[in-house]
Amino acid sequence: MFSLIDNVQTIQYNCSGSSYTAIRKMIKESYPHFKKVIEKEKNFNKYLENMMNDDEFTRSMFNKIFVKKSL
């Protein structure tokens, strides 16, 4: 979503009694190659989609970029 719409600052997901909020600023500061991901579609696969199979990376990034609140 952040790569598709420049002015989106937060994204909120509600599931299983909890709310998870992703904040653009936190992702830009934490996610390696964020600028490259949003530059070109082919970079999305290289720097994001391929990393989704790395459980340790995914867990680490989730904890860095999502703010969790109970509903």
PDB file of N, CA and C in Angstrom:
ATOM      1  N   MET A   1       0.826  -1.188   0.000  1.00  0.00           N
ATOM      2  CA  MET A   1       0.000   0.000   0.000  1.00  0.00           C
ATOM      3  C   MET A   1       0.872   1.254   0.000  1.00  0.00           C
ATOM      4  N   PHE A   2       1.930   1.255   0.819  1.00  0.00           N
ATOM      5  CA  PHE A   2       2.804   2.427   0.880  1.00  0.00           C
ATOM      6  C   PHE A   2       3.498   2.685  -0.453  1.00  0.00           C
ATOM      7  N   SER A   3       3.787   1.626  -1.181  1.00  0.00           N
ATOM      8  CA  SER A   3       4.453   1.811  -2.474  1.00  0.00           C
ATOM      9  C   SER A   3       3.477   2.262  -3.559  1.00  0.00           C
ATOM     10  N   LEU A   4       2.196   2.010  -3.371  1.00  0.00           N
ATOM     11  CA  LEU A   4       1.200   2.382  -4.368  1.00  0.00           C
ATOM     12  C   LEU A   4       0.673   3.806  -4.194  1.00  0.00           C
ATOM     13  N   ILE A   5       0.563   4.249  -2.938  1.00  0.00           N
ATOM     14  CA  ILE A   5      -0.035   5.557  -2.650  1.00  0.00           C
ATOM     15  C   ILE A   5       0.934   6.357  -1.789  1.00  0.00           C
ATOM     16  N   ASP A   6       1.480   7.422  -2.355  1.00  0.00           N
ATOM     17  CA  ASP A   6       2.525   8.203  -1.690  1.00  0.00           C
ATOM     18  C   ASP A   6       2.103   8.844  -0.371  1.00  0.00           C
ATOM     19  N   ASN A   7       0.854   9.253  -0.240  1.00  0.00           N
ATOM     20  CA  ASN A   7       0.472   9.982   0.967  1.00  0.00           C
ATOM     21  C   ASN A   7      -0.160   9.109   2.056  1.00  0.00           C
ATOM     22  N   VAL A   8      -0.135   7.796   1.914  1.00  0.00           N
ATOM     23  CA  VAL A   8      -0.623   6.913   2.976  1.00  0.00           C
ATOM     24  C   VAL A   8       0.433   6.888   4.081  1.00  0.00           C
ATOM     25  N   GLN A   9       0.023   7.242   5.297  1.00  0.00           N
ATOM     26  CA  GLN A   9       0.964   7.296   6.417  1.00  0.00           C
ATOM     27  C   GLN A   9       0.810   6.122   7.377  1.00  0.00           C
ATOM     28  N   THR A  10      -0.390   5.556   7.467  1.00  0.00           N
ATOM     29  CA  THR A  10      -0.622   4.406   8.344  1.00  0.00           C
ATOM     30  C   THR A  10      -1.583   3.436   7.672  1.00  0.00           C
ATOM     31  N   ILE A  11      -1.455   2.175   8.052  1.00  0.00           N
ATOM     32  CA  ILE A  11      -2.387   1.138   7.615  1.00  0.00           C
ATOM     33  C   ILE A  11      -2.765   0.359   8.860  1.00  0.00           C
ATOM     34  N   GLN A  12      -4.049   0.167   9.072  1.00  0.00           N
ATOM     35  CA  GLN A  12      -4.519  -0.547  10.261  1.00  0.00           C
ATOM     36  C   GLN A  12      -5.213  -1.833   9.841  1.00  0.00           C
ATOM     37  N   TYR A  13      -4.809  -2.927  10.493  1.00  0.00           N
ATOM     38  CA  TYR A  13      -5.412  -4.238  10.274  1.00  0.00           C
ATOM     39  C   TYR A  13      -6.084  -4.661  11.570  1.00  0.00           C
ATOM     40  N   ASN A  14      -7.330  -5.119  11.486  1.00  0.00           N
ATOM     41  CA  ASN A  14      -8.050  -5.631  12.647  1.00  0.00           C
ATOM     42  C   ASN A  14      -8.320  -7.111  12.446  1.00  0.00           C
ATOM     43  N   CYS A  15      -7.791  -7.932  13.360  1.00  0.00           N
ATOM     44  CA  CYS A  15      -8.018  -9.366  13.244  1.00  0.00           C
ATOM     45  C   CYS A  15      -7.836 -10.048  14.593  1.00  0.00           C
ATOM     46  N   SER A  16      -8.634 -11.055  14.828  1.00  0.00           N
ATOM     47  CA  SER A  16      -8.542 -11.896  16.025  1.00  0.00           C
ATOM     48  C   SER A  16      -8.498 -11.098  17.324  1.00  0.00           C
ATOM     49  N   GLY A  17      -9.312 -10.059  17.427  1.00  0.00           N
ATOM     50  CA  GLY A  17      -9.401  -9.291  18.656  1.00  0.00           C
ATOM     51  C   GLY A  17      -8.254  -8.322  18.894  1.00  0.00           C
ATOM     52  N   SER A  18      -7.405  -8.128  17.907  1.00  0.00           N
ATOM     53  CA  SER A  18      -6.298  -7.184  18.031  1.00  0.00           C
ATOM     54  C   SER A  18      -6.262  -6.269  16.813  1.00  0.00           C
ATOM     55  N   SER A  19      -5.675  -5.112  17.006  1.00  0.00           N
ATOM     56  CA  SER A  19      -5.487  -4.147  15.936  1.00  0.00           C
ATOM     57  C   SER A  19      -3.984  -3.974  15.722  1.00  0.00           C
ATOM     58  N   TYR A  20      -3.543  -4.059  14.475  1.00  0.00           N
ATOM     59  CA  TYR A  20      -2.140  -3.895  14.131  1.00  0.00           C
ATOM     60  C   TYR A  20      -2.023  -2.695  13.200  1.00  0.00           C
ATOM     61  N   THR A  21      -1.165  -1.762  13.546  1.00  0.00           N
ATOM     62  CA  THR A  21      -0.984  -0.572  12.740  1.00  0.00           C
ATOM     63  C   THR A  21       0.439  -0.520  12.210  1.00  0.00           C
ATOM     64  N   ALA A  22       0.567  -0.355  10.902  1.00  0.00           N
ATOM     65  CA  ALA A  22       1.863  -0.159  10.268  1.00  0.00           C
ATOM     66  C   ALA A  22       1.998   1.326   9.973  1.00  0.00           C
ATOM     67  N   ILE A  23       3.136   1.900  10.332  1.00  0.00           N
ATOM     68  CA  ILE A  23       3.373   3.326  10.161  1.00  0.00           C
ATOM     69  C   ILE A  23       4.492   3.520   9.136  1.00  0.00           C
ATOM     70  N   ARG A  24       4.201   4.313   8.110  1.00  0.00           N
ATOM     71  CA  ARG A  24       5.159   4.531   7.025  1.00  0.00           C
ATOM     72  C   ARG A  24       6.542   4.904   7.556  1.00  0.00           C
ATOM     73  N   LYS A  25       6.601   5.837   8.488  1.00  0.00           N
ATOM     74  CA  LYS A  25       7.886   6.304   9.016  1.00  0.00           C
ATOM     75  C   LYS A  25       8.695   5.149   9.611  1.00  0.00           C
ATOM     76  N   MET A  26       8.025   4.268  10.352  1.00  0.00           N
ATOM     77  CA  MET A  26       8.715   3.137  10.969  1.00  0.00           C
ATOM     78  C   MET A  26       9.228   2.169   9.900  1.00  0.00           C
ATOM     79  N   ILE A  27       8.452   1.973   8.861  1.00  0.00           N
ATOM     80  CA  ILE A  27       8.878   1.076   7.785  1.00  0.00           C
ATOM     81  C   ILE A  27      10.061   1.681   7.036  1.00  0.00           C
ATOM     82  N   LYS A  28       9.983   2.973   6.716  1.00  0.00           N
ATOM     83  CA  LYS A  28      11.085   3.631   6.015  1.00  0.00           C
ATOM     84  C   LYS A  28      12.382   3.549   6.812  1.00  0.00           C
ATOM     85  N   GLU A  29      12.278   3.675   8.138  1.00  0.00           N
ATOM     86  CA  GLU A  29      13.463   3.647   8.987  1.00  0.00           C
ATOM     87  C   GLU A  29      13.976   2.233   9.243  1.00  0.00           C
ATOM     88  N   SER A  30      13.109   1.239   9.188  1.00  0.00           N
ATOM     89  CA  SER A  30      13.468  -0.120   9.587  1.00  0.00           C
ATOM     90  C   SER A  30      13.687  -1.096   8.437  1.00  0.00           C
ATOM     91  N   TYR A  31      12.932  -0.933   7.358  1.00  0.00           N
ATOM     92  CA  TYR A  31      12.970  -1.932   6.297  1.00  0.00           C
ATOM     93  C   TYR A  31      14.150  -1.693   5.363  1.00  0.00           C
ATOM     94  N   PRO A  32      15.034  -2.678   5.222  1.00  0.00           N
ATOM     95  CA  PRO A  32      16.157  -2.496   4.304  1.00  0.00           C
ATOM     96  C   PRO A  32      15.661  -2.359   2.861  1.00  0.00           C
ATOM     97  N   HIS A  33      16.233  -1.448   2.139  1.00  0.00           N
ATOM     98  CA  HIS A  33      15.921  -1.226   0.716  1.00  0.00           C
ATOM     99  C   HIS A  33      14.514  -0.665   0.482  1.00  0.00           C
ATOM    100  N   PHE A  34      13.905   0.006   1.475  1.00  0.00           N
ATOM    101  CA  PHE A  34      12.548   0.533   1.299  1.00  0.00           C
ATOM    102  C   PHE A  34      12.444   1.405   0.049  1.00  0.00           C
ATOM    103  N   LYS A  35      13.405   2.293  -0.159  1.00  0.00           N
ATOM    104  CA  LYS A  35      13.354   3.175  -1.330  1.00  0.00           C
ATOM    105  C   LYS A  35      13.400   2.389  -2.628  1.00  0.00           C
ATOM    106  N   LYS A  36      14.174   1.313  -2.648  1.00  0.00           N
ATOM    107  CA  LYS A  36      14.255   0.492  -3.859  1.00  0.00           C
ATOM    108  C   LYS A  36      12.954  -0.272  -4.096  1.00  0.00           C
ATOM    109  N   VAL A  37      12.293  -0.695  -3.020  1.00  0.00           N
ATOM    110  CA  VAL A  37      11.026  -1.428  -3.143  1.00  0.00           C
ATOM    111  C   VAL A  37       9.987  -0.563  -3.839  1.00  0.00           C
ATOM    112  N   ILE A  38       9.921   0.717  -3.487  1.00  0.00           N
ATOM    113  CA  ILE A  38       8.867   1.561  -4.055  1.00  0.00           C
ATOM    114  C   ILE A  38       9.243   2.180  -5.399  1.00  0.00           C
ATOM    115  N   GLU A  39      10.490   2.017  -5.843  1.00  0.00           N
ATOM    116  CA  GLU A  39      10.915   2.591  -7.123  1.00  0.00           C
ATOM    117  C   GLU A  39      10.309   1.889  -8.335  1.00  0.00           C
ATOM    118  N   LYS A  40      10.407   0.570  -8.368  1.00  0.00           N
ATOM    119  CA  LYS A  40       9.984  -0.188  -9.542  1.00  0.00           C
ATOM    120  C   LYS A  40       9.306  -1.484  -9.121  1.00  0.00           C
ATOM    121  N   GLU A  41       8.368  -1.928  -9.934  1.00  0.00           N
ATOM    122  CA  GLU A  41       7.638  -3.159  -9.639  1.00  0.00           C
ATOM    123  C   GLU A  41       8.571  -4.361  -9.506  1.00  0.00           C
ATOM    124  N   LYS A  42       9.572  -4.456 -10.359  1.00  0.00           N
ATOM    125  CA  LYS A  42      10.478  -5.604 -10.283  1.00  0.00           C
ATOM    126  C   LYS A  42      11.245  -5.634  -8.960  1.00  0.00           C
ATOM    127  N   ASN A  43      11.476  -4.464  -8.377  1.00  0.00           N
ATOM    128  CA  ASN A  43      12.160  -4.406  -7.077  1.00  0.00           C
ATOM    129  C   ASN A  43      11.288  -4.957  -5.958  1.00  0.00           C
ATOM    130  N   PHE A  44       9.977  -4.844  -6.119  1.00  0.00           N
ATOM    131  CA  PHE A  44       9.063  -5.374  -5.105  1.00  0.00           C
ATOM    132  C   PHE A  44       9.332  -6.856  -4.893  1.00  0.00           C
ATOM    133  N   ASN A  45       9.430  -7.602  -5.975  1.00  0.00           N
ATOM    134  CA  ASN A  45       9.697  -9.042  -5.873  1.00  0.00           C
ATOM    135  C   ASN A  45      11.071  -9.311  -5.264  1.00  0.00           C
ATOM    136  N   LYS A  46      12.055  -8.572  -5.715  1.00  0.00           N
ATOM    137  CA  LYS A  46      13.426  -8.803  -5.273  1.00  0.00           C
ATOM    138  C   LYS A  46      13.623  -8.483  -3.795  1.00  0.00           C
ATOM    139  N   TYR A  47      13.117  -7.353  -3.342  1.00  0.00           N
ATOM    140  CA  TYR A  47      13.396  -6.882  -1.991  1.00  0.00           C
ATOM    141  C   TYR A  47      12.293  -7.138  -0.970  1.00  0.00           C
ATOM    142  N   LEU A  48      11.122  -7.532  -1.418  1.00  0.00           N
ATOM    143  CA  LEU A  48      10.031  -7.747  -0.469  1.00  0.00           C
ATOM    144  C   LEU A  48       9.441  -9.141  -0.573  1.00  0.00           C
ATOM    145  N   GLU A  49       8.910  -9.481  -1.725  1.00  0.00           N
ATOM    146  CA  GLU A  49       8.231 -10.766  -1.868  1.00  0.00           C
ATOM    147  C   GLU A  49       9.162 -11.943  -1.553  1.00  0.00           C
ATOM    148  N   ASN A  50      10.376 -11.908  -2.043  1.00  0.00           N
ATOM    149  CA  ASN A  50      11.320 -12.996  -1.779  1.00  0.00           C
ATOM    150  C   ASN A  50      11.675 -13.106  -0.299  1.00  0.00           C
ATOM    151  N   MET A  51      11.657 -11.993   0.412  1.00  0.00           N
ATOM    152  CA  MET A  51      12.000 -11.994   1.839  1.00  0.00           C
ATOM    153  C   MET A  51      10.888 -12.594   2.700  1.00  0.00           C
ATOM    154  N   MET A  52       9.682 -12.683   2.160  1.00  0.00           N
ATOM    155  CA  MET A  52       8.553 -13.223   2.918  1.00  0.00           C
ATOM    156  C   MET A  52       8.754 -14.698   3.280  1.00  0.00           C
ATOM    157  N   ASN A  53       9.623 -15.393   2.571  1.00  0.00           N
ATOM    158  CA  ASN A  53       9.900 -16.801   2.862  1.00  0.00           C
ATOM    159  C   ASN A  53      10.937 -16.984   3.968  1.00  0.00           C
ATOM    160  N   ASP A  54      11.547 -15.915   4.404  1.00  0.00           N
ATOM    161  CA  ASP A  54      12.555 -15.954   5.462  1.00  0.00           C
ATOM    162  C   ASP A  54      11.851 -15.684   6.796  1.00  0.00           C
ATOM    163  N   ASP A  55      11.551 -16.751   7.549  1.00  0.00           N
ATOM    164  CA  ASP A  55      10.779 -16.617   8.790  1.00  0.00           C
ATOM    165  C   ASP A  55      11.436 -15.686   9.807  1.00  0.00           C
ATOM    166  N   GLU A  56      12.741 -15.784   9.962  1.00  0.00           N
ATOM    167  CA  GLU A  56      13.432 -14.940  10.937  1.00  0.00           C
ATOM    168  C   GLU A  56      13.332 -13.460  10.546  1.00  0.00           C
ATOM    169  N   PHE A  57      13.545 -13.168   9.269  1.00  0.00           N
ATOM    170  CA  PHE A  57      13.441 -11.795   8.777  1.00  0.00           C
ATOM    171  C   PHE A  57      12.015 -11.277   8.960  1.00  0.00           C
ATOM    172  N   THR A  58      11.032 -12.085   8.592  1.00  0.00           N
ATOM    173  CA  THR A  58       9.630 -11.682   8.694  1.00  0.00           C
ATOM    174  C   THR A  58       9.243 -11.387  10.135  1.00  0.00           C
ATOM    175  N   ARG A  59       9.616 -12.249  11.051  1.00  0.00           N
ATOM    176  CA  ARG A  59       9.314 -12.048  12.468  1.00  0.00           C
ATOM    177  C   ARG A  59       9.979 -10.764  12.985  1.00  0.00           C
ATOM    178  N   SER A  60      11.229 -10.582  12.629  1.00  0.00           N
ATOM    179  CA  SER A  60      11.968  -9.401  13.065  1.00  0.00           C
ATOM    180  C   SER A  60      11.328  -8.112  12.553  1.00  0.00           C
ATOM    181  N   MET A  61      10.991  -8.084  11.268  1.00  0.00           N
ATOM    182  CA  MET A  61      10.375  -6.889  10.686  1.00  0.00           C
ATOM    183  C   MET A  61       8.989  -6.637  11.261  1.00  0.00           C
ATOM    184  N   PHE A  62       8.213  -7.695  11.478  1.00  0.00           N
ATOM    185  CA  PHE A  62       6.883  -7.529  12.053  1.00  0.00           C
ATOM    186  C   PHE A  62       6.983  -6.821  13.393  1.00  0.00           C
ATOM    187  N   ASN A  63       7.920  -7.258  14.227  1.00  0.00           N
ATOM    188  CA  ASN A  63       8.086  -6.664  15.552  1.00  0.00           C
ATOM    189  C   ASN A  63       8.595  -5.225  15.491  1.00  0.00           C
ATOM    190  N   LYS A  64       9.293  -4.865  14.438  1.00  0.00           N
ATOM    191  CA  LYS A  64       9.808  -3.500  14.293  1.00  0.00           C
ATOM    192  C   LYS A  64       8.773  -2.528  13.749  1.00  0.00           C
ATOM    193  N   ILE A  65       7.910  -2.990  12.856  1.00  0.00           N
ATOM    194  CA  ILE A  65       7.067  -2.040  12.124  1.00  0.00           C
ATOM    195  C   ILE A  65       5.596  -2.020  12.526  1.00  0.00           C
ATOM    196  N   PHE A  66       5.125  -3.014  13.258  1.00  0.00           N
ATOM    197  CA  PHE A  66       3.719  -3.029  13.643  1.00  0.00           C
ATOM    198  C   PHE A  66       3.533  -2.657  15.108  1.00  0.00           C
ATOM    199  N   VAL A  67       2.535  -1.831  15.366  1.00  0.00           N
ATOM    200  CA  VAL A  67       2.136  -1.480  16.718  1.00  0.00           C
ATOM    201  C   VAL A  67       0.854  -2.250  16.985  1.00  0.00           C
ATOM    202  N   LYS A  68       0.850  -3.073  18.044  1.00  0.00           N
ATOM    203  CA  LYS A  68      -0.318  -3.928  18.346  1.00  0.00           C
ATOM    204  C   LYS A  68      -1.118  -3.333  19.500  1.00  0.00           C
ATOM    205  N   LYS A  69      -2.442  -3.322  19.328  1.00  0.00           N
ATOM    206  CA  LYS A  69      -3.363  -2.898  20.378  1.00  0.00           C
ATOM    207  C   LYS A  69      -4.484  -3.907  20.466  1.00  0.00           C
ATOM    208  N   SER A  70      -4.896  -4.256  21.693  1.00  0.00           N
ATOM    209  CA  SER A  70      -6.048  -5.149  21.865  1.00  0.00           C
ATOM    210  C   SER A  70      -7.313  -4.357  21.631  1.00  0.00           C
ATOM    211  N   LEU A  71      -8.285  -5.004  20.992  1.00  0.00           N
ATOM    212  CA  LEU A  71      -9.574  -4.342  20.715  1.00  0.00           C
ATOM    213  C   LEU A  71     -10.525  -4.494  21.869  1.00  0.00           C
TER     214      LEU A  71
END
